[in-house]
Amino acid sequence: GATSASAQSDSPTAAPAPAASSAS
């Protein structure tokens, strides 16, 4: 029950992607 009480609660998100570089 604790894991599905609300659909809007996300799983732990990953860190934001790094800023754009010369290759990505």
PDBML (XML) file of the C-alpha atoms, coordinates in Angstrom:
<?xml version="1.0" encoding="UTF-8" ?>
<PDBx:datablock datablockName="MODEL"
   xmlns:PDBx="http://pdbml.pdb.org/schema/pdbx-v50.xsd"
   xmlns:xsi="http://www.w3.org/2001/XMLSchema-instance"
   xsi:schemaLocation="http://pdbml.pdb.org/schema/pdbx-v50.xsd pdbx-v50.xsd">
   <PDBx:atom_siteCategory>
      <PDBx:atom_site id="1">
         <PDBx:B_iso_or_equiv>0.00</PDBx:B_iso_or_equiv>
         <PDBx:Cartn_x>0.000</PDBx:Cartn_x>
         <PDBx:Cartn_y>0.000</PDBx:Cartn_y>
         <PDBx:Cartn_z>0.000</PDBx:Cartn_z>
         <PDBx:auth_asym_id>A</PDBx:auth_asym_id>
         <PDBx:auth_atom_id>CA</PDBx:auth_atom_id>
         <PDBx:auth_comp_id>GLY</PDBx:auth_comp_id>
         <PDBx:auth_seq_id>1</PDBx:auth_seq_id>
         <PDBx:group_PDB>ATOM</PDBx:group_PDB>
         <PDBx:label_alt_id xsi:nil="true" />
         <PDBx:label_asym_id>A</PDBx:label_asym_id>
         <PDBx:label_atom_id>CA</PDBx:label_atom_id>
         <PDBx:label_comp_id>GLY</PDBx:label_comp_id>
         <PDBx:label_entity_id>1</PDBx:label_entity_id>
         <PDBx:label_seq_id>1</PDBx:label_seq_id>
         <PDBx:occupancy>1.00</PDBx:occupancy>
         <PDBx:pdbx_PDB_model_num>1</PDBx:pdbx_PDB_model_num>
         <PDBx:type_symbol>C</PDBx:type_symbol>
      </PDBx:atom_site>
      <PDBx:atom_site id="2">
         <PDBx:B_iso_or_equiv>0.00</PDBx:B_iso_or_equiv>
         <PDBx:Cartn_x>2.751</PDBx:Cartn_x>
         <PDBx:Cartn_y>2.449</PDBx:Cartn_y>
         <PDBx:Cartn_z>0.812</PDBx:Cartn_z>
         <PDBx:auth_asym_id>A</PDBx:auth_asym_id>
         <PDBx:auth_atom_id>CA</PDBx:auth_atom_id>
         <PDBx:auth_comp_id>ALA</PDBx:auth_comp_id>
         <PDBx:auth_seq_id>2</PDBx:auth_seq_id>
         <PDBx:group_PDB>ATOM</PDBx:group_PDB>
         <PDBx:label_alt_id xsi:nil="true" />
         <PDBx:label_asym_id>A</PDBx:label_asym_id>
         <PDBx:label_atom_id>CA</PDBx:label_atom_id>
         <PDBx:label_comp_id>ALA</PDBx:label_comp_id>
         <PDBx:label_entity_id>1</PDBx:label_entity_id>
         <PDBx:label_seq_id>2</PDBx:label_seq_id>
         <PDBx:occupancy>1.00</PDBx:occupancy>
         <PDBx:pdbx_PDB_model_num>1</PDBx:pdbx_PDB_model_num>
         <PDBx:type_symbol>C</PDBx:type_symbol>
      </PDBx:atom_site>
      <PDBx:atom_site id="3">
         <PDBx:B_iso_or_equiv>0.00</PDBx:B_iso_or_equiv>
         <PDBx:Cartn_x>4.274</PDBx:Cartn_x>
         <PDBx:Cartn_y>2.262</PDBx:Cartn_y>
         <PDBx:Cartn_z>-2.676</PDBx:Cartn_z>
         <PDBx:auth_asym_id>A</PDBx:auth_asym_id>
         <PDBx:auth_atom_id>CA</PDBx:auth_atom_id>
         <PDBx:auth_comp_id>THR</PDBx:auth_comp_id>
         <PDBx:auth_seq_id>3</PDBx:auth_seq_id>
         <PDBx:group_PDB>ATOM</PDBx:group_PDB>
         <PDBx:label_alt_id xsi:nil="true" />
         <PDBx:label_asym_id>A</PDBx:label_asym_id>
         <PDBx:label_atom_id>CA</PDBx:label_atom_id>
         <PDBx:label_comp_id>THR</PDBx:label_comp_id>
         <PDBx:label_entity_id>1</PDBx:label_entity_id>
         <PDBx:label_seq_id>3</PDBx:label_seq_id>
         <PDBx:occupancy>1.00</PDBx:occupancy>
         <PDBx:pdbx_PDB_model_num>1</PDBx:pdbx_PDB_model_num>
         <PDBx:type_symbol>C</PDBx:type_symbol>
      </PDBx:atom_site>
      <PDBx:atom_site id="4">
         <PDBx:B_iso_or_equiv>0.00</PDBx:B_iso_or_equiv>
         <PDBx:Cartn_x>1.094</PDBx:Cartn_x>
         <PDBx:Cartn_y>2.934</PDBx:Cartn_y>
         <PDBx:Cartn_z>-4.658</PDBx:Cartn_z>
         <PDBx:auth_asym_id>A</PDBx:auth_asym_id>
         <PDBx:auth_atom_id>CA</PDBx:auth_atom_id>
         <PDBx:auth_comp_id>SER</PDBx:auth_comp_id>
         <PDBx:auth_seq_id>4</PDBx:auth_seq_id>
         <PDBx:group_PDB>ATOM</PDBx:group_PDB>
         <PDBx:label_alt_id xsi:nil="true" />
         <PDBx:label_asym_id>A</PDBx:label_asym_id>
         <PDBx:label_atom_id>CA</PDBx:label_atom_id>
         <PDBx:label_comp_id>SER</PDBx:label_comp_id>
         <PDBx:label_entity_id>1</PDBx:label_entity_id>
         <PDBx:label_seq_id>4</PDBx:label_seq_id>
         <PDBx:occupancy>1.00</PDBx:occupancy>
         <PDBx:pdbx_PDB_model_num>1</PDBx:pdbx_PDB_model_num>
         <PDBx:type_symbol>C</PDBx:type_symbol>
      </PDBx:atom_site>
      <PDBx:atom_site id="5">
         <PDBx:B_iso_or_equiv>0.00</PDBx:B_iso_or_equiv>
         <PDBx:Cartn_x>-0.894</PDBx:Cartn_x>
         <PDBx:Cartn_y>5.462</PDBx:Cartn_y>
         <PDBx:Cartn_z>-2.667</PDBx:Cartn_z>
         <PDBx:auth_asym_id>A</PDBx:auth_asym_id>
         <PDBx:auth_atom_id>CA</PDBx:auth_atom_id>
         <PDBx:auth_comp_id>ALA</PDBx:auth_comp_id>
         <PDBx:auth_seq_id>5</PDBx:auth_seq_id>
         <PDBx:group_PDB>ATOM</PDBx:group_PDB>
         <PDBx:label_alt_id xsi:nil="true" />
         <PDBx:label_asym_id>A</PDBx:label_asym_id>
         <PDBx:label_atom_id>CA</PDBx:label_atom_id>
         <PDBx:label_comp_id>ALA</PDBx:label_comp_id>
         <PDBx:label_entity_id>1</PDBx:label_entity_id>
         <PDBx:label_seq_id>5</PDBx:label_seq_id>
         <PDBx:occupancy>1.00</PDBx:occupancy>
         <PDBx:pdbx_PDB_model_num>1</PDBx:pdbx_PDB_model_num>
         <PDBx:type_symbol>C</PDBx:type_symbol>
      </PDBx:atom_site>
      <PDBx:atom_site id="6">
         <PDBx:B_iso_or_equiv>0.00</PDBx:B_iso_or_equiv>
         <PDBx:Cartn_x>-0.461</PDBx:Cartn_x>
         <PDBx:Cartn_y>8.129</PDBx:Cartn_y>
         <PDBx:Cartn_z>-5.307</PDBx:Cartn_z>
         <PDBx:auth_asym_id>A</PDBx:auth_asym_id>
         <PDBx:auth_atom_id>CA</PDBx:auth_atom_id>
         <PDBx:auth_comp_id>SER</PDBx:auth_comp_id>
         <PDBx:auth_seq_id>6</PDBx:auth_seq_id>
         <PDBx:group_PDB>ATOM</PDBx:group_PDB>
         <PDBx:label_alt_id xsi:nil="true" />
         <PDBx:label_asym_id>A</PDBx:label_asym_id>
         <PDBx:label_atom_id>CA</PDBx:label_atom_id>
         <PDBx:label_comp_id>SER</PDBx:label_comp_id>
         <PDBx:label_entity_id>1</PDBx:label_entity_id>
         <PDBx:label_seq_id>6</PDBx:label_seq_id>
         <PDBx:occupancy>1.00</PDBx:occupancy>
         <PDBx:pdbx_PDB_model_num>1</PDBx:pdbx_PDB_model_num>
         <PDBx:type_symbol>C</PDBx:type_symbol>
      </PDBx:atom_site>
      <PDBx:atom_site id="7">
         <PDBx:B_iso_or_equiv>0.00</PDBx:B_iso_or_equiv>
         <PDBx:Cartn_x>0.529</PDBx:Cartn_x>
         <PDBx:Cartn_y>7.882</PDBx:Cartn_y>
         <PDBx:Cartn_z>-8.950</PDBx:Cartn_z>
         <PDBx:auth_asym_id>A</PDBx:auth_asym_id>
         <PDBx:auth_atom_id>CA</PDBx:auth_atom_id>
         <PDBx:auth_comp_id>ALA</PDBx:auth_comp_id>
         <PDBx:auth_seq_id>7</PDBx:auth_seq_id>
         <PDBx:group_PDB>ATOM</PDBx:group_PDB>
         <PDBx:label_alt_id xsi:nil="true" />
         <PDBx:label_asym_id>A</PDBx:label_asym_id>
         <PDBx:label_atom_id>CA</PDBx:label_atom_id>
         <PDBx:label_comp_id>ALA</PDBx:label_comp_id>
         <PDBx:label_entity_id>1</PDBx:label_entity_id>
         <PDBx:label_seq_id>7</PDBx:label_seq_id>
         <PDBx:occupancy>1.00</PDBx:occupancy>
         <PDBx:pdbx_PDB_model_num>1</PDBx:pdbx_PDB_model_num>
         <PDBx:type_symbol>C</PDBx:type_symbol>
      </PDBx:atom_site>
      <PDBx:atom_site id="8">
         <PDBx:B_iso_or_equiv>0.00</PDBx:B_iso_or_equiv>
         <PDBx:Cartn_x>2.173</PDBx:Cartn_x>
         <PDBx:Cartn_y>11.235</PDBx:Cartn_y>
         <PDBx:Cartn_z>-8.947</PDBx:Cartn_z>
         <PDBx:auth_asym_id>A</PDBx:auth_asym_id>
         <PDBx:auth_atom_id>CA</PDBx:auth_atom_id>
         <PDBx:auth_comp_id>GLN</PDBx:auth_comp_id>
         <PDBx:auth_seq_id>8</PDBx:auth_seq_id>
         <PDBx:group_PDB>ATOM</PDBx:group_PDB>
         <PDBx:label_alt_id xsi:nil="true" />
         <PDBx:label_asym_id>A</PDBx:label_asym_id>
         <PDBx:label_atom_id>CA</PDBx:label_atom_id>
         <PDBx:label_comp_id>GLN</PDBx:label_comp_id>
         <PDBx:label_entity_id>1</PDBx:label_entity_id>
         <PDBx:label_seq_id>8</PDBx:label_seq_id>
         <PDBx:occupancy>1.00</PDBx:occupancy>
         <PDBx:pdbx_PDB_model_num>1</PDBx:pdbx_PDB_model_num>
         <PDBx:type_symbol>C</PDBx:type_symbol>
      </PDBx:atom_site>
      <PDBx:atom_site id="9">
         <PDBx:B_iso_or_equiv>0.00</PDBx:B_iso_or_equiv>
         <PDBx:Cartn_x>4.855</PDBx:Cartn_x>
         <PDBx:Cartn_y>10.306</PDBx:Cartn_y>
         <PDBx:Cartn_z>-6.403</PDBx:Cartn_z>
         <PDBx:auth_asym_id>A</PDBx:auth_asym_id>
         <PDBx:auth_atom_id>CA</PDBx:auth_atom_id>
         <PDBx:auth_comp_id>SER</PDBx:auth_comp_id>
         <PDBx:auth_seq_id>9</PDBx:auth_seq_id>
         <PDBx:group_PDB>ATOM</PDBx:group_PDB>
         <PDBx:label_alt_id xsi:nil="true" />
         <PDBx:label_asym_id>A</PDBx:label_asym_id>
         <PDBx:label_atom_id>CA</PDBx:label_atom_id>
         <PDBx:label_comp_id>SER</PDBx:label_comp_id>
         <PDBx:label_entity_id>1</PDBx:label_entity_id>
         <PDBx:label_seq_id>9</PDBx:label_seq_id>
         <PDBx:occupancy>1.00</PDBx:occupancy>
         <PDBx:pdbx_PDB_model_num>1</PDBx:pdbx_PDB_model_num>
         <PDBx:type_symbol>C</PDBx:type_symbol>
      </PDBx:atom_site>
      <PDBx:atom_site id="10">
         <PDBx:B_iso_or_equiv>0.00</PDBx:B_iso_or_equiv>
         <PDBx:Cartn_x>7.929</PDBx:Cartn_x>
         <PDBx:Cartn_y>9.381</PDBx:Cartn_y>
         <PDBx:Cartn_z>-8.402</PDBx:Cartn_z>
         <PDBx:auth_asym_id>A</PDBx:auth_asym_id>
         <PDBx:auth_atom_id>CA</PDBx:auth_atom_id>
         <PDBx:auth_comp_id>ASP</PDBx:auth_comp_id>
         <PDBx:auth_seq_id>10</PDBx:auth_seq_id>
         <PDBx:group_PDB>ATOM</PDBx:group_PDB>
         <PDBx:label_alt_id xsi:nil="true" />
         <PDBx:label_asym_id>A</PDBx:label_asym_id>
         <PDBx:label_atom_id>CA</PDBx:label_atom_id>
         <PDBx:label_comp_id>ASP</PDBx:label_comp_id>
         <PDBx:label_entity_id>1</PDBx:label_entity_id>
         <PDBx:label_seq_id>10</PDBx:label_seq_id>
         <PDBx:occupancy>1.00</PDBx:occupancy>
         <PDBx:pdbx_PDB_model_num>1</PDBx:pdbx_PDB_model_num>
         <PDBx:type_symbol>C</PDBx:type_symbol>
      </PDBx:atom_site>
      <PDBx:atom_site id="11">
         <PDBx:B_iso_or_equiv>0.00</PDBx:B_iso_or_equiv>
         <PDBx:Cartn_x>10.641</PDBx:Cartn_x>
         <PDBx:Cartn_y>6.914</PDBx:Cartn_y>
         <PDBx:Cartn_z>-7.754</PDBx:Cartn_z>
         <PDBx:auth_asym_id>A</PDBx:auth_asym_id>
         <PDBx:auth_atom_id>CA</PDBx:auth_atom_id>
         <PDBx:auth_comp_id>SER</PDBx:auth_comp_id>
         <PDBx:auth_seq_id>11</PDBx:auth_seq_id>
         <PDBx:group_PDB>ATOM</PDBx:group_PDB>
         <PDBx:label_alt_id xsi:nil="true" />
         <PDBx:label_asym_id>A</PDBx:label_asym_id>
         <PDBx:label_atom_id>CA</PDBx:label_atom_id>
         <PDBx:label_comp_id>SER</PDBx:label_comp_id>
         <PDBx:label_entity_id>1</PDBx:label_entity_id>
         <PDBx:label_seq_id>11</PDBx:label_seq_id>
         <PDBx:occupancy>1.00</PDBx:occupancy>
         <PDBx:pdbx_PDB_model_num>1</PDBx:pdbx_PDB_model_num>
         <PDBx:type_symbol>C</PDBx:type_symbol>
      </PDBx:atom_site>
      <PDBx:atom_site id="12">
         <PDBx:B_iso_or_equiv>0.00</PDBx:B_iso_or_equiv>
         <PDBx:Cartn_x>13.954</PDBx:Cartn_x>
         <PDBx:Cartn_y>8.526</PDBx:Cartn_y>
         <PDBx:Cartn_z>-6.775</PDBx:Cartn_z>
         <PDBx:auth_asym_id>A</PDBx:auth_asym_id>
         <PDBx:auth_atom_id>CA</PDBx:auth_atom_id>
         <PDBx:auth_comp_id>PRO</PDBx:auth_comp_id>
         <PDBx:auth_seq_id>12</PDBx:auth_seq_id>
         <PDBx:group_PDB>ATOM</PDBx:group_PDB>
         <PDBx:label_alt_id xsi:nil="true" />
         <PDBx:label_asym_id>A</PDBx:label_asym_id>
         <PDBx:label_atom_id>CA</PDBx:label_atom_id>
         <PDBx:label_comp_id>PRO</PDBx:label_comp_id>
         <PDBx:label_entity_id>1</PDBx:label_entity_id>
         <PDBx:label_seq_id>12</PDBx:label_seq_id>
         <PDBx:occupancy>1.00</PDBx:occupancy>
         <PDBx:pdbx_PDB_model_num>1</PDBx:pdbx_PDB_model_num>
         <PDBx:type_symbol>C</PDBx:type_symbol>
      </PDBx:atom_site>
      <PDBx:atom_site id="13">
         <PDBx:B_iso_or_equiv>0.00</PDBx:B_iso_or_equiv>
         <PDBx:Cartn_x>15.040</PDBx:Cartn_x>
         <PDBx:Cartn_y>10.383</PDBx:Cartn_y>
         <PDBx:Cartn_z>-9.855</PDBx:Cartn_z>
         <PDBx:auth_asym_id>A</PDBx:auth_asym_id>
         <PDBx:auth_atom_id>CA</PDBx:auth_atom_id>
         <PDBx:auth_comp_id>THR</PDBx:auth_comp_id>
         <PDBx:auth_seq_id>13</PDBx:auth_seq_id>
         <PDBx:group_PDB>ATOM</PDBx:group_PDB>
         <PDBx:label_alt_id xsi:nil="true" />
         <PDBx:label_asym_id>A</PDBx:label_asym_id>
         <PDBx:label_atom_id>CA</PDBx:label_atom_id>
         <PDBx:label_comp_id>THR</PDBx:label_comp_id>
         <PDBx:label_entity_id>1</PDBx:label_entity_id>
         <PDBx:label_seq_id>13</PDBx:label_seq_id>
         <PDBx:occupancy>1.00</PDBx:occupancy>
         <PDBx:pdbx_PDB_model_num>1</PDBx:pdbx_PDB_model_num>
         <PDBx:type_symbol>C</PDBx:type_symbol>
      </PDBx:atom_site>
      <PDBx:atom_site id="14">
         <PDBx:B_iso_or_equiv>0.00</PDBx:B_iso_or_equiv>
         <PDBx:Cartn_x>18.508</PDBx:Cartn_x>
         <PDBx:Cartn_y>10.422</PDBx:Cartn_y>
         <PDBx:Cartn_z>-11.218</PDBx:Cartn_z>
         <PDBx:auth_asym_id>A</PDBx:auth_asym_id>
         <PDBx:auth_atom_id>CA</PDBx:auth_atom_id>
         <PDBx:auth_comp_id>ALA</PDBx:auth_comp_id>
         <PDBx:auth_seq_id>14</PDBx:auth_seq_id>
         <PDBx:group_PDB>ATOM</PDBx:group_PDB>
         <PDBx:label_alt_id xsi:nil="true" />
         <PDBx:label_asym_id>A</PDBx:label_asym_id>
         <PDBx:label_atom_id>CA</PDBx:label_atom_id>
         <PDBx:label_comp_id>ALA</PDBx:label_comp_id>
         <PDBx:label_entity_id>1</PDBx:label_entity_id>
         <PDBx:label_seq_id>14</PDBx:label_seq_id>
         <PDBx:occupancy>1.00</PDBx:occupancy>
         <PDBx:pdbx_PDB_model_num>1</PDBx:pdbx_PDB_model_num>
         <PDBx:type_symbol>C</PDBx:type_symbol>
      </PDBx:atom_site>
      <PDBx:atom_site id="15">
         <PDBx:B_iso_or_equiv>0.00</PDBx:B_iso_or_equiv>
         <PDBx:Cartn_x>20.629</PDBx:Cartn_x>
         <PDBx:Cartn_y>13.511</PDBx:Cartn_y>
         <PDBx:Cartn_z>-11.111</PDBx:Cartn_z>
         <PDBx:auth_asym_id>A</PDBx:auth_asym_id>
         <PDBx:auth_atom_id>CA</PDBx:auth_atom_id>
         <PDBx:auth_comp_id>ALA</PDBx:auth_comp_id>
         <PDBx:auth_seq_id>15</PDBx:auth_seq_id>
         <PDBx:group_PDB>ATOM</PDBx:group_PDB>
         <PDBx:label_alt_id xsi:nil="true" />
         <PDBx:label_asym_id>A</PDBx:label_asym_id>
         <PDBx:label_atom_id>CA</PDBx:label_atom_id>
         <PDBx:label_comp_id>ALA</PDBx:label_comp_id>
         <PDBx:label_entity_id>1</PDBx:label_entity_id>
         <PDBx:label_seq_id>15</PDBx:label_seq_id>
         <PDBx:occupancy>1.00</PDBx:occupancy>
         <PDBx:pdbx_PDB_model_num>1</PDBx:pdbx_PDB_model_num>
         <PDBx:type_symbol>C</PDBx:type_symbol>
      </PDBx:atom_site>
      <PDBx:atom_site id="16">
         <PDBx:B_iso_or_equiv>0.00</PDBx:B_iso_or_equiv>
         <PDBx:Cartn_x>20.040</PDBx:Cartn_x>
         <PDBx:Cartn_y>15.986</PDBx:Cartn_y>
         <PDBx:Cartn_z>-13.954</PDBx:Cartn_z>
         <PDBx:auth_asym_id>A</PDBx:auth_asym_id>
         <PDBx:auth_atom_id>CA</PDBx:auth_atom_id>
         <PDBx:auth_comp_id>PRO</PDBx:auth_comp_id>
         <PDBx:auth_seq_id>16</PDBx:auth_seq_id>
         <PDBx:group_PDB>ATOM</PDBx:group_PDB>
         <PDBx:label_alt_id xsi:nil="true" />
         <PDBx:label_asym_id>A</PDBx:label_asym_id>
         <PDBx:label_atom_id>CA</PDBx:label_atom_id>
         <PDBx:label_comp_id>PRO</PDBx:label_comp_id>
         <PDBx:label_entity_id>1</PDBx:label_entity_id>
         <PDBx:label_seq_id>16</PDBx:label_seq_id>
         <PDBx:occupancy>1.00</PDBx:occupancy>
         <PDBx:pdbx_PDB_model_num>1</PDBx:pdbx_PDB_model_num>
         <PDBx:type_symbol>C</PDBx:type_symbol>
      </PDBx:atom_site>
      <PDBx:atom_site id="17">
         <PDBx:B_iso_or_equiv>0.00</PDBx:B_iso_or_equiv>
         <PDBx:Cartn_x>22.049</PDBx:Cartn_x>
         <PDBx:Cartn_y>15.419</PDBx:Cartn_y>
         <PDBx:Cartn_z>-17.063</PDBx:Cartn_z>
         <PDBx:auth_asym_id>A</PDBx:auth_asym_id>
         <PDBx:auth_atom_id>CA</PDBx:auth_atom_id>
         <PDBx:auth_comp_id>ALA</PDBx:auth_comp_id>
         <PDBx:auth_seq_id>17</PDBx:auth_seq_id>
         <PDBx:group_PDB>ATOM</PDBx:group_PDB>
         <PDBx:label_alt_id xsi:nil="true" />
         <PDBx:label_asym_id>A</PDBx:label_asym_id>
         <PDBx:label_atom_id>CA</PDBx:label_atom_id>
         <PDBx:label_comp_id>ALA</PDBx:label_comp_id>
         <PDBx:label_entity_id>1</PDBx:label_entity_id>
         <PDBx:label_seq_id>17</PDBx:label_seq_id>
         <PDBx:occupancy>1.00</PDBx:occupancy>
         <PDBx:pdbx_PDB_model_num>1</PDBx:pdbx_PDB_model_num>
         <PDBx:type_symbol>C</PDBx:type_symbol>
      </PDBx:atom_site>
      <PDBx:atom_site id="18">
         <PDBx:B_iso_or_equiv>0.00</PDBx:B_iso_or_equiv>
         <PDBx:Cartn_x>25.233</PDBx:Cartn_x>
         <PDBx:Cartn_y>17.405</PDBx:Cartn_y>
         <PDBx:Cartn_z>-17.337</PDBx:Cartn_z>
         <PDBx:auth_asym_id>A</PDBx:auth_asym_id>
         <PDBx:auth_atom_id>CA</PDBx:auth_atom_id>
         <PDBx:auth_comp_id>PRO</PDBx:auth_comp_id>
         <PDBx:auth_seq_id>18</PDBx:auth_seq_id>
         <PDBx:group_PDB>ATOM</PDBx:group_PDB>
         <PDBx:label_alt_id xsi:nil="true" />
         <PDBx:label_asym_id>A</PDBx:label_asym_id>
         <PDBx:label_atom_id>CA</PDBx:label_atom_id>
         <PDBx:label_comp_id>PRO</PDBx:label_comp_id>
         <PDBx:label_entity_id>1</PDBx:label_entity_id>
         <PDBx:label_seq_id>18</PDBx:label_seq_id>
         <PDBx:occupancy>1.00</PDBx:occupancy>
         <PDBx:pdbx_PDB_model_num>1</PDBx:pdbx_PDB_model_num>
         <PDBx:type_symbol>C</PDBx:type_symbol>
      </PDBx:atom_site>
      <PDBx:atom_site id="19">
         <PDBx:B_iso_or_equiv>0.00</PDBx:B_iso_or_equiv>
         <PDBx:Cartn_x>25.361</PDBx:Cartn_x>
         <PDBx:Cartn_y>20.531</PDBx:Cartn_y>
         <PDBx:Cartn_z>-19.418</PDBx:Cartn_z>
         <PDBx:auth_asym_id>A</PDBx:auth_asym_id>
         <PDBx:auth_atom_id>CA</PDBx:auth_atom_id>
         <PDBx:auth_comp_id>ALA</PDBx:auth_comp_id>
         <PDBx:auth_seq_id>19</PDBx:auth_seq_id>
         <PDBx:group_PDB>ATOM</PDBx:group_PDB>
         <PDBx:label_alt_id xsi:nil="true" />
         <PDBx:label_asym_id>A</PDBx:label_asym_id>
         <PDBx:label_atom_id>CA</PDBx:label_atom_id>
         <PDBx:label_comp_id>ALA</PDBx:label_comp_id>
         <PDBx:label_entity_id>1</PDBx:label_entity_id>
         <PDBx:label_seq_id>19</PDBx:label_seq_id>
         <PDBx:occupancy>1.00</PDBx:occupancy>
         <PDBx:pdbx_PDB_model_num>1</PDBx:pdbx_PDB_model_num>
         <PDBx:type_symbol>C</PDBx:type_symbol>
      </PDBx:atom_site>
      <PDBx:atom_site id="20">
         <PDBx:B_iso_or_equiv>0.00</PDBx:B_iso_or_equiv>
         <PDBx:Cartn_x>25.972</PDBx:Cartn_x>
         <PDBx:Cartn_y>20.271</PDBx:Cartn_y>
         <PDBx:Cartn_z>-23.146</PDBx:Cartn_z>
         <PDBx:auth_asym_id>A</PDBx:auth_asym_id>
         <PDBx:auth_atom_id>CA</PDBx:auth_atom_id>
         <PDBx:auth_comp_id>ALA</PDBx:auth_comp_id>
         <PDBx:auth_seq_id>20</PDBx:auth_seq_id>
         <PDBx:group_PDB>ATOM</PDBx:group_PDB>
         <PDBx:label_alt_id xsi:nil="true" />
         <PDBx:label_asym_id>A</PDBx:label_asym_id>
         <PDBx:label_atom_id>CA</PDBx:label_atom_id>
         <PDBx:label_comp_id>ALA</PDBx:label_comp_id>
         <PDBx:label_entity_id>1</PDBx:label_entity_id>
         <PDBx:label_seq_id>20</PDBx:label_seq_id>
         <PDBx:occupancy>1.00</PDBx:occupancy>
         <PDBx:pdbx_PDB_model_num>1</PDBx:pdbx_PDB_model_num>
         <PDBx:type_symbol>C</PDBx:type_symbol>
      </PDBx:atom_site>
      <PDBx:atom_site id="21">
         <PDBx:B_iso_or_equiv>0.00</PDBx:B_iso_or_equiv>
         <PDBx:Cartn_x>29.597</PDBx:Cartn_x>
         <PDBx:Cartn_y>19.789</PDBx:Cartn_y>
         <PDBx:Cartn_z>-24.078</PDBx:Cartn_z>
         <PDBx:auth_asym_id>A</PDBx:auth_asym_id>
         <PDBx:auth_atom_id>CA</PDBx:auth_atom_id>
         <PDBx:auth_comp_id>SER</PDBx:auth_comp_id>
         <PDBx:auth_seq_id>21</PDBx:auth_seq_id>
         <PDBx:group_PDB>ATOM</PDBx:group_PDB>
         <PDBx:label_alt_id xsi:nil="true" />
         <PDBx:label_asym_id>A</PDBx:label_asym_id>
         <PDBx:label_atom_id>CA</PDBx:label_atom_id>
         <PDBx:label_comp_id>SER</PDBx:label_comp_id>
         <PDBx:label_entity_id>1</PDBx:label_entity_id>
         <PDBx:label_seq_id>21</PDBx:label_seq_id>
         <PDBx:occupancy>1.00</PDBx:occupancy>
         <PDBx:pdbx_PDB_model_num>1</PDBx:pdbx_PDB_model_num>
         <PDBx:type_symbol>C</PDBx:type_symbol>
      </PDBx:atom_site>
      <PDBx:atom_site id="22">
         <PDBx:B_iso_or_equiv>0.00</PDBx:B_iso_or_equiv>
         <PDBx:Cartn_x>31.378</PDBx:Cartn_x>
         <PDBx:Cartn_y>19.800</PDBx:Cartn_y>
         <PDBx:Cartn_z>-27.379</PDBx:Cartn_z>
         <PDBx:auth_asym_id>A</PDBx:auth_asym_id>
         <PDBx:auth_atom_id>CA</PDBx:auth_atom_id>
         <PDBx:auth_comp_id>SER</PDBx:auth_comp_id>
         <PDBx:auth_seq_id>22</PDBx:auth_seq_id>
         <PDBx:group_PDB>ATOM</PDBx:group_PDB>
         <PDBx:label_alt_id xsi:nil="true" />
         <PDBx:label_asym_id>A</PDBx:label_asym_id>
         <PDBx:label_atom_id>CA</PDBx:label_atom_id>
         <PDBx:label_comp_id>SER</PDBx:label_comp_id>
         <PDBx:label_entity_id>1</PDBx:label_entity_id>
         <PDBx:label_seq_id>22</PDBx:label_seq_id>
         <PDBx:occupancy>1.00</PDBx:occupancy>
         <PDBx:pdbx_PDB_model_num>1</PDBx:pdbx_PDB_model_num>
         <PDBx:type_symbol>C</PDBx:type_symbol>
      </PDBx:atom_site>
      <PDBx:atom_site id="23">
         <PDBx:B_iso_or_equiv>0.00</PDBx:B_iso_or_equiv>
         <PDBx:Cartn_x>30.478</PDBx:Cartn_x>
         <PDBx:Cartn_y>16.158</PDBx:Cartn_y>
         <PDBx:Cartn_z>-27.951</PDBx:Cartn_z>
         <PDBx:auth_asym_id>A</PDBx:auth_asym_id>
         <PDBx:auth_atom_id>CA</PDBx:auth_atom_id>
         <PDBx:auth_comp_id>ALA</PDBx:auth_comp_id>
         <PDBx:auth_seq_id>23</PDBx:auth_seq_id>
         <PDBx:group_PDB>ATOM</PDBx:group_PDB>
         <PDBx:label_alt_id xsi:nil="true" />
         <PDBx:label_asym_id>A</PDBx:label_asym_id>
         <PDBx:label_atom_id>CA</PDBx:label_atom_id>
         <PDBx:label_comp_id>ALA</PDBx:label_comp_id>
         <PDBx:label_entity_id>1</PDBx:label_entity_id>
         <PDBx:label_seq_id>23</PDBx:label_seq_id>
         <PDBx:occupancy>1.00</PDBx:occupancy>
         <PDBx:pdbx_PDB_model_num>1</PDBx:pdbx_PDB_model_num>
         <PDBx:type_symbol>C</PDBx:type_symbol>
      </PDBx:atom_site>
      <PDBx:atom_site id="24">
         <PDBx:B_iso_or_equiv>0.00</PDBx:B_iso_or_equiv>
         <PDBx:Cartn_x>26.990</PDBx:Cartn_x>
         <PDBx:Cartn_y>15.811</PDBx:Cartn_y>
         <PDBx:Cartn_z>-26.411</PDBx:Cartn_z>
         <PDBx:auth_asym_id>A</PDBx:auth_asym_id>
         <PDBx:auth_atom_id>CA</PDBx:auth_atom_id>
         <PDBx:auth_comp_id>SER</PDBx:auth_comp_id>
         <PDBx:auth_seq_id>24</PDBx:auth_seq_id>
         <PDBx:group_PDB>ATOM</PDBx:group_PDB>
         <PDBx:label_alt_id xsi:nil="true" />
         <PDBx:label_asym_id>A</PDBx:label_asym_id>
         <PDBx:label_atom_id>CA</PDBx:label_atom_id>
         <PDBx:label_comp_id>SER</PDBx:label_comp_id>
         <PDBx:label_entity_id>1</PDBx:label_entity_id>
         <PDBx:label_seq_id>24</PDBx:label_seq_id>
         <PDBx:occupancy>1.00</PDBx:occupancy>
         <PDBx:pdbx_PDB_model_num>1</PDBx:pdbx_PDB_model_num>
         <PDBx:type_symbol>C</PDBx:type_symbol>
      </PDBx:atom_site>
   </PDBx:atom_siteCategory>
</PDBx:datablock>
